[in-house]
C-alpha atoms as a PDB file:
ATOM      1  CA  MET A   1       0.138  -0.135  -0.112  1.00  0.00           C
ATOM      2  CA  SER A   2       1.385   3.089  -0.911  1.00  0.00           C
ATOM      3  CA  ASP A   3       1.955   6.463   1.428  1.00  0.00           C
ATOM      4  CA  ASP A   4      -0.320   7.961   0.427  1.00  0.00           C
ATOM      5  CA  LEU A   5      -3.302   5.642   0.241  1.00  0.00           C
ATOM      6  CA  GLN A   6      -2.230   4.746   3.958  1.00  0.00           C
ATOM      7  CA  VAL A   7      -2.708   8.557   4.970  1.00  0.00           C
ATOM      8  CA  ARG A   8      -5.989   9.087   3.326  1.00  0.00           C
ATOM      9  CA  ARG A   9      -7.343   5.625   4.824  1.00  0.00           C
ATOM     10  CA  LEU A  10      -5.863   6.833   8.585  1.00  0.00           C
ATOM     11  CA  LYS A  11      -8.707   8.738  10.318  1.00  0.00           C
ATOM     12  CA  LEU A  12      -8.277  12.044  13.019  1.00  0.00           C
ATOM     13  CA  ARG A  13     -10.570  10.013  15.378  1.00  0.00           C
ATOM     14  CA  GLU A  14      -8.106   6.406  15.271  1.00  0.00           C
ATOM     15  CA  LEU A  15      -5.468   9.011  15.847  1.00  0.00           C
ATOM     16  CA  ARG A  16      -6.924  10.717  18.712  1.00  0.00           C
ATOM     17  CA  ILE A  17      -7.812   7.361  20.054  1.00  0.00           C
ATOM     18  CA  LEU A  18      -4.165   6.168  19.397  1.00  0.00           C
ATOM     19  CA  LEU A  19      -3.124   9.467  21.484  1.00  0.00           C
ATOM     20  CA  GLY A  20      -5.581   8.996  24.372  1.00  0.00           C
ATOM     21  CA  VAL A  21      -4.672   5.334  24.662  1.00  0.00           C
ATOM     22  CA  ILE A  22      -0.842   6.009  25.277  1.00  0.00           C
ATOM     23  CA  GLN A  23      -1.763   8.745  27.610  1.00  0.00           C
ATOM     24  CA  ALA A  24      -4.001   7.172  29.413  1.00  0.00           C
ATOM     25  CA  GLY A  25      -1.339   3.961  29.961  1.00  0.00           C
ATOM     26  CA  SER A  26      -4.257   1.924  28.920  1.00  0.00           C
ATOM     27  CA  MET A  27      -7.382   1.427  26.448  1.00  0.00           C
ATOM     28  CA  ALA A  28     -10.206   0.698  29.659  1.00  0.00           C
ATOM     29  CA  LYS A  29      -8.646   4.047  30.935  1.00  0.00           C
ATOM     30  CA  ALA A  30      -8.748   5.502  27.685  1.00  0.00           C
ATOM     31  CA  ALA A  31     -12.166   4.302  26.776  1.00  0.00           C
ATOM     32  CA  LYS A  32     -13.300   6.125  30.372  1.00  0.00           C
ATOM     33  CA  GLN A  33     -11.767   9.433  29.406  1.00  0.00           C
ATOM     34  CA  LEU A  34     -12.971   9.479  25.928  1.00  0.00           C
ATOM     35  CA  ALA A  35     -16.516   8.303  26.671  1.00  0.00           C
ATOM     36  CA  ILE A  36     -16.226   5.712  24.268  1.00  0.00           C
ATOM     37  CA  SER A  37     -16.437   1.753  24.411  1.00  0.00           C
ATOM     38  CA  GLN A  38     -13.577  -0.856  24.949  1.00  0.00           C
ATOM     39  CA  PRO A  39     -14.387  -2.561  22.010  1.00  0.00           C
ATOM     40  CA  ALA A  40     -14.280   0.897  19.972  1.00  0.00           C
ATOM     41  CA  ILE A  41     -10.958   1.253  20.869  1.00  0.00           C
ATOM     42  CA  SER A  42      -9.923  -1.924  20.308  1.00  0.00           C
ATOM     43  CA  ARG A  43     -11.380  -1.531  16.439  1.00  0.00           C
ATOM     44  CA  ALA A  44      -9.908   1.575  15.743  1.00  0.00           C
ATOM     45  CA  ILE A  45      -6.573   0.501  16.498  1.00  0.00           C
ATOM     46  CA  ALA A  46      -6.629  -2.916  14.867  1.00  0.00           C
ATOM     47  CA  ASP A  47      -7.813  -0.655  12.136  1.00  0.00           C
ATOM     48  CA  MET A  48      -4.792   1.452  12.548  1.00  0.00           C
ATOM     49  CA  GLU A  49      -2.400  -1.454  12.432  1.00  0.00           C
ATOM     50  CA  GLY A  50      -4.152  -2.970   9.474  1.00  0.00           C
ATOM     51  CA  THR A  51      -3.577  -0.078   7.640  1.00  0.00           C
ATOM     52  CA  LEU A  52       0.150   0.619   8.225  1.00  0.00           C
ATOM     53  CA  GLY A  53       1.116  -2.596   8.600  1.00  0.00           C
ATOM     54  CA  VAL A  54       2.753  -2.740  11.882  1.00  0.00           C
ATOM     55  CA  PRO A  55       2.100  -2.904  15.502  1.00  0.00           C
ATOM     56  CA  LEU A  56       1.566  -0.222  17.102  1.00  0.00           C
ATOM     57  CA  PHE A  57       0.924  -1.979  20.871  1.00  0.00           C
ATOM     58  CA  ASP A  58       2.983  -4.875  22.279  1.00  0.00           C
ATOM     59  CA  ARG A  59       0.136  -6.791  24.537  1.00  0.00           C
ATOM     60  CA  SER A  60       0.800  -8.814  27.428  1.00  0.00           C
ATOM     61  CA  SER A  61      -0.345 -10.175  30.677  1.00  0.00           C
ATOM     62  CA  ARG A  62       0.730  -7.022  32.476  1.00  0.00           C
ATOM     63  CA  GLY A  63      -1.443  -4.623  29.703  1.00  0.00           C
ATOM     64  CA  ILE A  64      -0.110  -2.994  26.676  1.00  0.00           C
ATOM     65  CA  GLU A  65       3.082  -1.103  26.077  1.00  0.00           C
ATOM     66  CA  PRO A  66       2.933   1.206  22.376  1.00  0.00           C
ATOM     67  CA  THR A  67       5.575   0.004  20.320  1.00  0.00           C
ATOM     68  CA  GLN A  68       8.370   1.895  18.211  1.00  0.00           C
ATOM     69  CA  TYR A  69       5.687   2.327  15.309  1.00  0.00           C
ATOM     70  CA  GLY A  70       3.312   3.535  18.197  1.00  0.00           C
ATOM     71  CA  HIS A  71       5.860   6.160  19.242  1.00  0.00           C
ATOM     72  CA  ALA A  72       6.685   7.659  15.975  1.00  0.00           C
ATOM     73  CA  LEU A  73       3.147   8.061  15.056  1.00  0.00           C
ATOM     74  CA  VAL A  74       1.685   9.377  18.262  1.00  0.00           C
ATOM     75  CA  LYS A  75       4.884  11.797  17.948  1.00  0.00           C
ATOM     76  CA  ARG A  76       3.930  13.029  14.594  1.00  0.00           C
ATOM     77  CA  SER A  77      -0.438  12.936  15.746  1.00  0.00           C
ATOM     78  CA  ILE A  78       0.435  15.809  18.585  1.00  0.00           C
ATOM     79  CA  ALA A  79       2.015  18.076  16.063  1.00  0.00           C
ATOM     80  CA  VAL A  80      -1.543  17.346  14.109  1.00  0.00           C
ATOM     81  CA  PHE A  81      -3.778  17.871  16.288  1.00  0.00           C
ATOM     82  CA  ASP A  82      -1.593  20.795  18.111  1.00  0.00           C
ATOM     83  CA  GLU A  83      -1.995  22.609  14.461  1.00  0.00           C
ATOM     84  CA  LEU A  84      -5.352  21.883  13.889  1.00  0.00           C
ATOM     85  CA  LYS A  85      -6.062  24.003  17.163  1.00  0.00           C
ATOM     86  CA  GLN A  86      -3.829  26.314  16.211  1.00  0.00           C
ATOM     87  CA  GLY A  87      -5.541  26.814  12.848  1.00  0.00           C
ATOM     88  CA  VAL A  88      -8.913  27.278  14.975  1.00  0.00           C
ATOM     89  CA  GLN A  89      -7.185  29.979  17.215  1.00  0.00           C
ATOM     90  CA  ASP A  90      -5.936  31.746  14.210  1.00  0.00           C
ATOM     91  CA  ILE A  91      -9.381  32.167  13.080  1.00  0.00           C
ATOM     92  CA  ALA A  92     -10.530  33.347  16.376  1.00  0.00           C
ATOM     93  CA  TYR A  93      -8.003  35.704  16.298  1.00  0.00           C
ATOM     94  CA  LEU A  94      -8.321  37.233  12.910  1.00  0.00           C
ATOM     95  CA  ALA A  95     -11.880  37.250  13.036  1.00  0.00           C
ATOM     96  CA  ASN A  96     -11.204  39.304  17.022  1.00  0.00           C
ATOM     97  CA  PRO A  97      -7.445  40.436  17.542  1.00  0.00           C
ATOM     98  CA  GLU A  98      -8.620  41.111  21.363  1.00  0.00           C
ATOM     99  CA  VAL A  99      -8.850  37.341  22.182  1.00  0.00           C
ATOM    100  CA  GLY A 100      -6.868  34.215  22.243  1.00  0.00           C
ATOM    101  CA  GLU A 101      -4.143  32.338  24.287  1.00  0.00           C
ATOM    102  CA  LEU A 102      -0.544  32.209  24.241  1.00  0.00           C
ATOM    103  CA  ARG A 103       1.135  29.658  25.783  1.00  0.00           C
ATOM    104  CA  ILE A 104       5.384  31.276  26.938  1.00  0.00           C
ATOM    105  CA  GLY A 105       8.349  29.285  28.818  1.00  0.00           C
ATOM    106  CA  SER A 106      10.895  31.213  29.854  1.00  0.00           C
ATOM    107  CA  SER A 107      13.794  31.244  33.030  1.00  0.00           C
ATOM    108  CA  ALA A 108      13.023  32.710  35.995  1.00  0.00           C
ATOM    109  CA  SER A 109      14.818  35.808  35.411  1.00  0.00           C
ATOM    110  CA  LEU A 110      13.375  36.813  31.828  1.00  0.00           C
ATOM    111  CA  SER A 111       9.865  35.811  33.372  1.00  0.00           C
ATOM    112  CA  GLU A 112      10.648  39.097  35.639  1.00  0.00           C
ATOM    113  CA  GLY A 113      12.429  41.054  32.818  1.00  0.00           C
ATOM    114  CA  ILE A 114      11.649  41.437  29.085  1.00  0.00           C
ATOM    115  CA  VAL A 115       8.646  38.363  29.208  1.00  0.00           C
ATOM    116  CA  LEU A 116       7.062  40.702  32.039  1.00  0.00           C
ATOM    117  CA  ALA A 117       7.641  43.933  30.162  1.00  0.00           C
ATOM    118  CA  VAL A 118       5.975  42.640  26.578  1.00  0.00           C
ATOM    119  CA  ILE A 119       2.906  41.002  28.576  1.00  0.00           C
ATOM    120  CA  ASN A 120       2.555  44.621  30.440  1.00  0.00           C
ATOM    121  CA  GLN A 121       2.460  46.314  27.351  1.00  0.00           C
ATOM    122  CA  LEU A 122       0.119  43.445  25.189  1.00  0.00           C
ATOM    123  CA  SER A 123      -2.353  43.480  27.950  1.00  0.00           C
ATOM    124  CA  ARG A 124      -3.127  47.039  28.234  1.00  0.00           C
ATOM    125  CA  LYS A 125      -3.938  47.142  24.280  1.00  0.00           C
ATOM    126  CA  HIS A 126      -5.243  43.378  24.610  1.00  0.00           C
ATOM    127  CA  PRO A 127      -6.660  42.771  27.905  1.00  0.00           C
ATOM    128  CA  ARG A 128      -8.879  39.722  26.836  1.00  0.00           C
ATOM    129  CA  VAL A 129      -5.578  38.169  25.871  1.00  0.00           C
ATOM    130  CA  VAL A 130      -4.804  35.459  28.134  1.00  0.00           C
ATOM    131  CA  PHE A 131      -1.091  34.271  28.825  1.00  0.00           C
ATOM    132  CA  HIS A 132       0.290  31.153  30.210  1.00  0.00           C
ATOM    133  CA  VAL A 133       3.933  31.873  31.302  1.00  0.00           C
ATOM    134  CA  VAL A 134       5.594  28.586  32.003  1.00  0.00           C
ATOM    135  CA  ALA A 135       8.969  28.516  34.148  1.00  0.00           C
ATOM    136  CA  GLY A 136      12.131  26.403  32.651  1.00  0.00           C
ATOM    137  CA  GLY A 137      15.839  26.608  31.751  1.00  0.00           C
ATOM    138  CA  ALA A 138      17.089  25.952  28.081  1.00  0.00           C
ATOM    139  CA  LEU A 139      16.750  22.132  28.106  1.00  0.00           C
ATOM    140  CA  ALA A 140      13.224  22.341  29.628  1.00  0.00           C
ATOM    141  CA  LEU A 141      12.094  24.715  27.350  1.00  0.00           C
ATOM    142  CA  ARG A 142      13.135  22.800  24.240  1.00  0.00           C
ATOM    143  CA  ASP A 143      11.258  19.601  25.139  1.00  0.00           C
ATOM    144  CA  GLN A 144       8.085  21.846  26.027  1.00  0.00           C
ATOM    145  CA  LEU A 145       8.950  23.468  22.470  1.00  0.00           C
ATOM    146  CA  SER A 146       9.148  19.858  21.001  1.00  0.00           C
ATOM    147  CA  GLU A 147       5.968  18.559  22.607  1.00  0.00           C
ATOM    148  CA  ARG A 148       4.165  21.507  21.902  1.00  0.00           C
ATOM    149  CA  ARG A 149       3.172  22.512  25.115  1.00  0.00           C
ATOM    150  CA  ILE A 150       4.532  25.999  24.735  1.00  0.00           C
ATOM    151  CA  GLU A 151       4.673  28.032  21.622  1.00  0.00           C
ATOM    152  CA  LEU A 152       7.647  29.839  21.995  1.00  0.00           C
ATOM    153  CA  GLY A 153      10.552  30.335  24.715  1.00  0.00           C
ATOM    154  CA  PHE A 154      12.667  32.850  25.752  1.00  0.00           C
ATOM    155  CA  ALA A 155      16.339  31.677  27.508  1.00  0.00           C
ATOM    156  CA  ARG A 156      19.906  32.763  27.531  1.00  0.00           C
ATOM    157  CA  LEU A 157      21.249  30.965  24.293  1.00  0.00           C
ATOM    158  CA  PRO A 158      24.528  28.915  23.634  1.00  0.00           C
ATOM    159  CA  GLY A 159      27.198  29.961  21.738  1.00  0.00           C
ATOM    160  CA  SER A 160      26.475  27.562  19.066  1.00  0.00           C
ATOM    161  CA  THR A 161      22.435  28.463  18.758  1.00  0.00           C
ATOM    162  CA  THR A 162      20.185  25.532  18.550  1.00  0.00           C
ATOM    163  CA  GLU A 163      19.423  22.471  17.443  1.00  0.00           C
ATOM    164  CA  GLU A 164      18.035  21.157  14.149  1.00  0.00           C
ATOM    165  CA  ASP A 165      14.462  21.264  14.697  1.00  0.00           C
ATOM    166  CA  LEU A 166      14.531  24.436  17.120  1.00  0.00           C
ATOM    167  CA  HIS A 167      15.241  27.953  15.502  1.00  0.00           C
ATOM    168  CA  ALA A 168      16.647  30.779  17.485  1.00  0.00           C
ATOM    169  CA  GLU A 169      16.623  34.284  17.300  1.00  0.00           C
ATOM    170  CA  ILE A 170      18.749  36.760  19.800  1.00  0.00           C
ATOM    171  CA  LEU A 171      17.233  39.803  21.016  1.00  0.00           C
ATOM    172  CA  PHE A 172      20.224  41.165  22.920  1.00  0.00           C
ATOM    173  CA  GLU A 173      23.505  40.456  24.935  1.00  0.00           C
ATOM    174  CA  GLU A 174      23.411  40.849  29.019  1.00  0.00           C
ATOM    175  CA  PRO A 175      25.730  40.946  31.017  1.00  0.00           C
ATOM    176  CA  LEU A 176      25.611  40.536  34.771  1.00  0.00           C
ATOM    177  CA  VAL A 177      25.940  43.508  36.906  1.00  0.00           C
ATOM    178  CA  VAL A 178      25.980  44.754  40.603  1.00  0.00           C
ATOM    179  CA  VAL A 179      23.620  46.638  42.228  1.00  0.00           C
ATOM    180  CA  ALA A 180      23.202  48.416  45.424  1.00  0.00           C
ATOM    181  CA  GLY A 181      20.418  49.937  47.582  1.00  0.00           C
ATOM    182  CA  ALA A 182      20.123  53.969  46.708  1.00  0.00           C
ATOM    183  CA  ASP A 183      20.884  54.954  49.764  1.00  0.00           C
ATOM    184  CA  ASN A 184      24.140  52.585  49.704  1.00  0.00           C
ATOM    185  CA  PRO A 185      27.359  54.253  50.076  1.00  0.00           C
ATOM    186  CA  TRP A 186      28.759  52.377  47.113  1.00  0.00           C
ATOM    187  CA  ALA A 187      26.212  53.758  45.099  1.00  0.00           C
ATOM    188  CA  ARG A 188      27.970  57.322  45.183  1.00  0.00           C
ATOM    189  CA  ARG A 189      30.944  55.988  44.001  1.00  0.00           C
ATOM    190  CA  ARG A 190      31.902  56.862  40.283  1.00  0.00           C
ATOM    191  CA  LYS A 191      34.488  54.096  39.695  1.00  0.00           C
ATOM    192  CA  ILE A 192      34.806  50.955  41.492  1.00  0.00           C
ATOM    193  CA  LYS A 193      37.285  47.508  41.105  1.00  0.00           C
ATOM    194  CA  LEU A 194      35.556  44.524  42.107  1.00  0.00           C
ATOM    195  CA  ALA A 195      38.211  43.596  44.619  1.00  0.00           C
ATOM    196  CA  GLU A 196      36.931  46.183  46.609  1.00  0.00           C
ATOM    197  CA  LEU A 197      33.591  44.628  47.167  1.00  0.00           C
ATOM    198  CA  VAL A 198      34.945  41.319  48.674  1.00  0.00           C
ATOM    199  CA  ASN A 199      34.055  41.604  52.017  1.00  0.00           C
ATOM    200  CA  GLU A 200      30.875  43.564  51.660  1.00  0.00           C
ATOM    201  CA  PRO A 201      27.669  41.298  52.109  1.00  0.00           C
ATOM    202  CA  TRP A 202      26.239  40.230  49.173  1.00  0.00           C
ATOM    203  CA  THR A 203      23.216  38.231  47.955  1.00  0.00           C
ATOM    204  CA  TRP A 204      23.386  35.811  44.273  1.00  0.00           C
ATOM    205  CA  SER A 205      21.490  32.816  42.980  1.00  0.00           C
ATOM    206  CA  SER A 206      22.004  29.126  44.561  1.00  0.00           C
ATOM    207  CA  PRO A 207      25.755  27.891  44.779  1.00  0.00           C
ATOM    208  CA  GLY A 208      26.462  25.417  42.084  1.00  0.00           C
ATOM    209  CA  THR A 209      24.003  26.834  39.597  1.00  0.00           C
ATOM    210  CA  MET A 210      25.189  28.137  36.363  1.00  0.00           C
ATOM    211  CA  PHE A 211      24.660  31.992  37.899  1.00  0.00           C
ATOM    212  CA  ASP A 212      26.815  30.960  40.683  1.00  0.00           C
ATOM    213  CA  THR A 213      29.514  29.765  38.744  1.00  0.00           C
ATOM    214  CA  LEU A 214      29.211  32.677  36.488  1.00  0.00           C
ATOM    215  CA  VAL A 215      29.401  34.921  39.389  1.00  0.00           C
ATOM    216  CA  VAL A 216      32.490  33.091  40.912  1.00  0.00           C
ATOM    217  CA  ASP A 217      34.315  33.001  37.522  1.00  0.00           C
ATOM    218  CA  ALA A 218      33.951  37.002  37.556  1.00  0.00           C
ATOM    219  CA  PHE A 219      35.835  37.357  41.055  1.00  0.00           C
ATOM    220  CA  ARG A 220      38.362  34.783  39.937  1.00  0.00           C
ATOM    221  CA  ALA A 221      39.194  37.035  36.454  1.00  0.00           C
ATOM    222  CA  SER A 222      39.404  40.098  38.285  1.00  0.00           C
ATOM    223  CA  GLY A 223      41.904  38.149  40.511  1.00  0.00           C
ATOM    224  CA  VAL A 224      40.255  37.615  44.065  1.00  0.00           C
ATOM    225  CA  GLU A 225      38.495  34.779  45.256  1.00  0.00           C
ATOM    226  CA  ALA A 226      34.514  35.589  45.244  1.00  0.00           C
ATOM    227  CA  PRO A 227      33.334  35.711  49.178  1.00  0.00           C
ATOM    228  CA  ARG A 228      31.013  33.661  50.243  1.00  0.00           C
ATOM    229  CA  ALA A 229      27.272  35.452  49.557  1.00  0.00           C
ATOM    230  CA  THR A 230      25.054  36.239  53.115  1.00  0.00           C
ATOM    231  CA  VAL A 231      21.845  34.931  50.963  1.00  0.00           C
ATOM    232  CA  TYR A 232      21.868  31.931  48.445  1.00  0.00           C
ATOM    233  CA  ALA A 233      18.371  33.046  46.262  1.00  0.00           C
ATOM    234  CA  GLU A 234      16.458  31.981  43.170  1.00  0.00           C
ATOM    235  CA  SER A 235      14.403  34.599  43.227  1.00  0.00           C
ATOM    236  CA  ILE A 236      15.619  37.706  41.590  1.00  0.00           C
ATOM    237  CA  SER A 237      13.070  39.764  42.848  1.00  0.00           C
ATOM    238  CA  MET A 238      14.163  39.109  46.144  1.00  0.00           C
ATOM    239  CA  ARG A 239      17.292  39.468  45.661  1.00  0.00           C
ATOM    240  CA  MET A 240      16.765  43.134  44.170  1.00  0.00           C
ATOM    241  CA  ARG A 241      14.548  43.918  47.297  1.00  0.00           C
ATOM    242  CA  LEU A 242      17.150  42.637  49.239  1.00  0.00           C
ATOM    243  CA  ALA A 243      19.559  45.184  47.609  1.00  0.00           C
ATOM    244  CA  ALA A 244      17.156  48.302  47.957  1.00  0.00           C
ATOM    245  CA  SER A 245      16.457  47.613  51.128  1.00  0.00           C
ATOM    246  CA  GLY A 246      19.481  47.200  53.118  1.00  0.00           C
ATOM    247  CA  PRO A 247      22.994  46.675  53.089  1.00  0.00           C
ATOM    248  CA  LEU A 248      23.772  43.667  50.369  1.00  0.00           C
ATOM    249  CA  LEU A 249      24.844  44.254  46.887  1.00  0.00           C
ATOM    250  CA  ALA A 250      23.158  41.760  44.728  1.00  0.00           C
ATOM    251  CA  VAL A 251      24.307  40.350  41.406  1.00  0.00           C
ATOM    252  CA  VAL A 252      21.630  40.614  38.824  1.00  0.00           C
ATOM    253  CA  PRO A 253      20.849  40.708  34.912  1.00  0.00           C
ATOM    254  CA  ALA A 254      21.575  43.803  33.758  1.00  0.00           C
ATOM    255  CA  SER A 255      17.946  43.819  32.181  1.00  0.00           C
ATOM    256  CA  MET A 256      16.604  43.786  35.013  1.00  0.00           C
ATOM    257  CA  VAL A 257      17.799  47.072  36.302  1.00  0.00           C
ATOM    258  CA  LYS A 258      15.649  48.317  33.206  1.00  0.00           C
ATOM    259  CA  PHE A 259      12.485  46.116  34.471  1.00  0.00           C
ATOM    260  CA  TYR A 260      12.663  46.005  37.929  1.00  0.00           C
ATOM    261  CA  THR A 261       9.681  47.833  39.097  1.00  0.00           C
ATOM    262  CA  GLY A 262      11.328  49.720  41.835  1.00  0.00           C
ATOM    263  CA  HIS A 263      14.311  51.133  40.042  1.00  0.00           C
ATOM    264  CA  ALA A 264      14.284  54.498  41.961  1.00  0.00           C
ATOM    265  CA  SER A 265      15.224  52.462  44.788  1.00  0.00           C
ATOM    266  CA  ILE A 266      17.928  50.859  43.037  1.00  0.00           C
ATOM    267  CA  LYS A 267      21.322  51.666  41.136  1.00  0.00           C
ATOM    268  CA  PRO A 268      24.163  49.819  39.242  1.00  0.00           C
ATOM    269  CA  LEU A 269      27.468  50.059  40.477  1.00  0.00           C
ATOM    270  CA  PRO A 270      30.208  51.012  38.165  1.00  0.00           C
ATOM    271  CA  VAL A 271      32.353  48.208  38.849  1.00  0.00           C
ATOM    272  CA  GLU A 272      32.990  45.222  35.977  1.00  0.00           C
ATOM    273  CA  LEU A 273      31.921  41.731  36.050  1.00  0.00           C
ATOM    274  CA  PRO A 274      34.289  40.262  33.474  1.00  0.00           C
ATOM    275  CA  MET A 275      33.439  37.031  31.248  1.00  0.00           C
ATOM    276  CA  THR A 276      29.339  37.046  32.128  1.00  0.00           C
ATOM    277  CA  GLN A 277      27.847  38.368  29.155  1.00  0.00           C
ATOM    278  CA  ARG A 278      25.012  35.831  27.284  1.00  0.00           C
ATOM    279  CA  SER A 279      23.240  35.865  24.496  1.00  0.00           C
ATOM    280  CA  ILE A 280      19.265  36.660  25.010  1.00  0.00           C
ATOM    281  CA  GLY A 281      16.981  35.420  22.539  1.00  0.00           C
ATOM    282  CA  ILE A 282      13.681  33.784  21.376  1.00  0.00           C
ATOM    283  CA  VAL A 283      13.431  29.860  20.861  1.00  0.00           C
ATOM    284  CA  THR A 284      11.177  28.652  18.456  1.00  0.00           C
ATOM    285  CA  LEU A 285       9.987  25.066  16.789  1.00  0.00           C
ATOM    286  CA  LYS A 286      11.282  25.242  13.116  1.00  0.00           C
ATOM    287  CA  ASN A 287       8.234  23.422  11.629  1.00  0.00           C
ATOM    288  CA  ARG A 288       5.296  25.054  13.445  1.00  0.00           C
ATOM    289  CA  THR A 289       3.765  27.820  12.233  1.00  0.00           C
ATOM    290  CA  LEU A 290       3.511  30.221  14.484  1.00  0.00           C
ATOM    291  CA  SER A 291      -0.271  32.016  15.348  1.00  0.00           C
ATOM    292  CA  PRO A 292      -0.840  35.610  15.172  1.00  0.00           C
ATOM    293  CA  LEU A 293      -0.625  36.188  18.938  1.00  0.00           C
ATOM    294  CA  ALA A 294       2.899  34.642  18.750  1.00  0.00           C
ATOM    295  CA  GLN A 295       3.636  36.977  16.064  1.00  0.00           C
ATOM    296  CA  LEU A 296       2.592  39.705  17.775  1.00  0.00           C
ATOM    297  CA  PHE A 297       4.365  38.983  21.024  1.00  0.00           C
ATOM    298  CA  ILE A 298       7.891  38.475  19.021  1.00  0.00           C
ATOM    299  CA  ASP A 299       7.333  41.770  17.707  1.00  0.00           C
ATOM    300  CA  CYS A 300       6.769  43.670  20.899  1.00  0.00           C
ATOM    301  CA  ALA A 301       9.738  41.733  22.150  1.00  0.00           C
ATOM    302  CA  ARG A 302      11.651  42.941  19.452  1.00  0.00           C
ATOM    303  CA  ARG A 303      10.734  46.871  20.186  1.00  0.00           C
ATOM    304  CA  ILE A 304      11.023  46.238  23.619  1.00  0.00           C
ATOM    305  CA  ALA A 305      14.848  44.660  23.402  1.00  0.00           C
ATOM    306  CA  LYS A 306      16.211  47.271  20.488  1.00  0.00           C
ATOM    307  CA  PRO A 307      17.476  49.791  22.981  1.00  0.00           C
ATOM    308  CA  LEU A 308      19.281  46.734  24.830  1.00  0.00           C
ATOM    309  CA  SER A 309      20.877  44.971  21.891  1.00  0.00           C
ATOM    310  CA  GLY A 310      22.489  48.621  20.990  1.00  0.00           C
ATOM    311  CA  LYS A 311      20.849  49.009  17.378  1.00  0.00           C
ATOM    312  CA  GLN A 312      18.629  51.978  17.593  1.00  0.00           C
END
């Protein structure tokens, strides 16, 4: 049987059943979740296996387990249903650009920075749009994109941009900076060497994280060993508030100073953290057509990032 004939004989209902069985882990559970009979599920699976000429499940006394053929088909089925759902959402958006939903993946720092800035701007223009922000680092975002749980991701990009199935667009280059409260004596200095700050109280990310490694390496590149931080905290907002309200110095991404809502009470210090610059960008799935809402989000992110990129 030719590929074209096999494709024509496959039905969306059958693909939906296949996806339901694999997600549920059994035909009985899938029958309950899909509100159809178990014999109907068995017939649909058998029809697909007959059409394709390969087994989609291994059956044993312990239950069923998808074969490599089943995994291959369900992987493409997820994309099929995602594209259909996206098509319906595109039609809704084109009919009424004031509504829609968008799922965005982002690291914690970027969700509190540029992602927050874009959402604030678009929410004022399109108050009925719903945004879902999913936390995750670069590896988690890759998986979420591949599984189509998010439509686009914001991340710090590695030097050799991304993998074959992903597309990355660099928005701006961002170093880490040292910040202090506006009332901190260091905030009045015009020039500071990092070595001068070794004995000050600090706050940055947890030991062993990539952020912590960058900070430690920056101190060593400046000829001194990094001090032990007084407060280790993953929340950038917490670190910014600690610096704004007390004697602690904080290490944060440079863009956070721009987007921090309490910017009047915080000040970047004139001190260099060498070797901490990283590329910040948007990652999308190459073979996925972006929705109008996702494209709108990306266009807004480009405008907001333009001053940070140095391109006017």
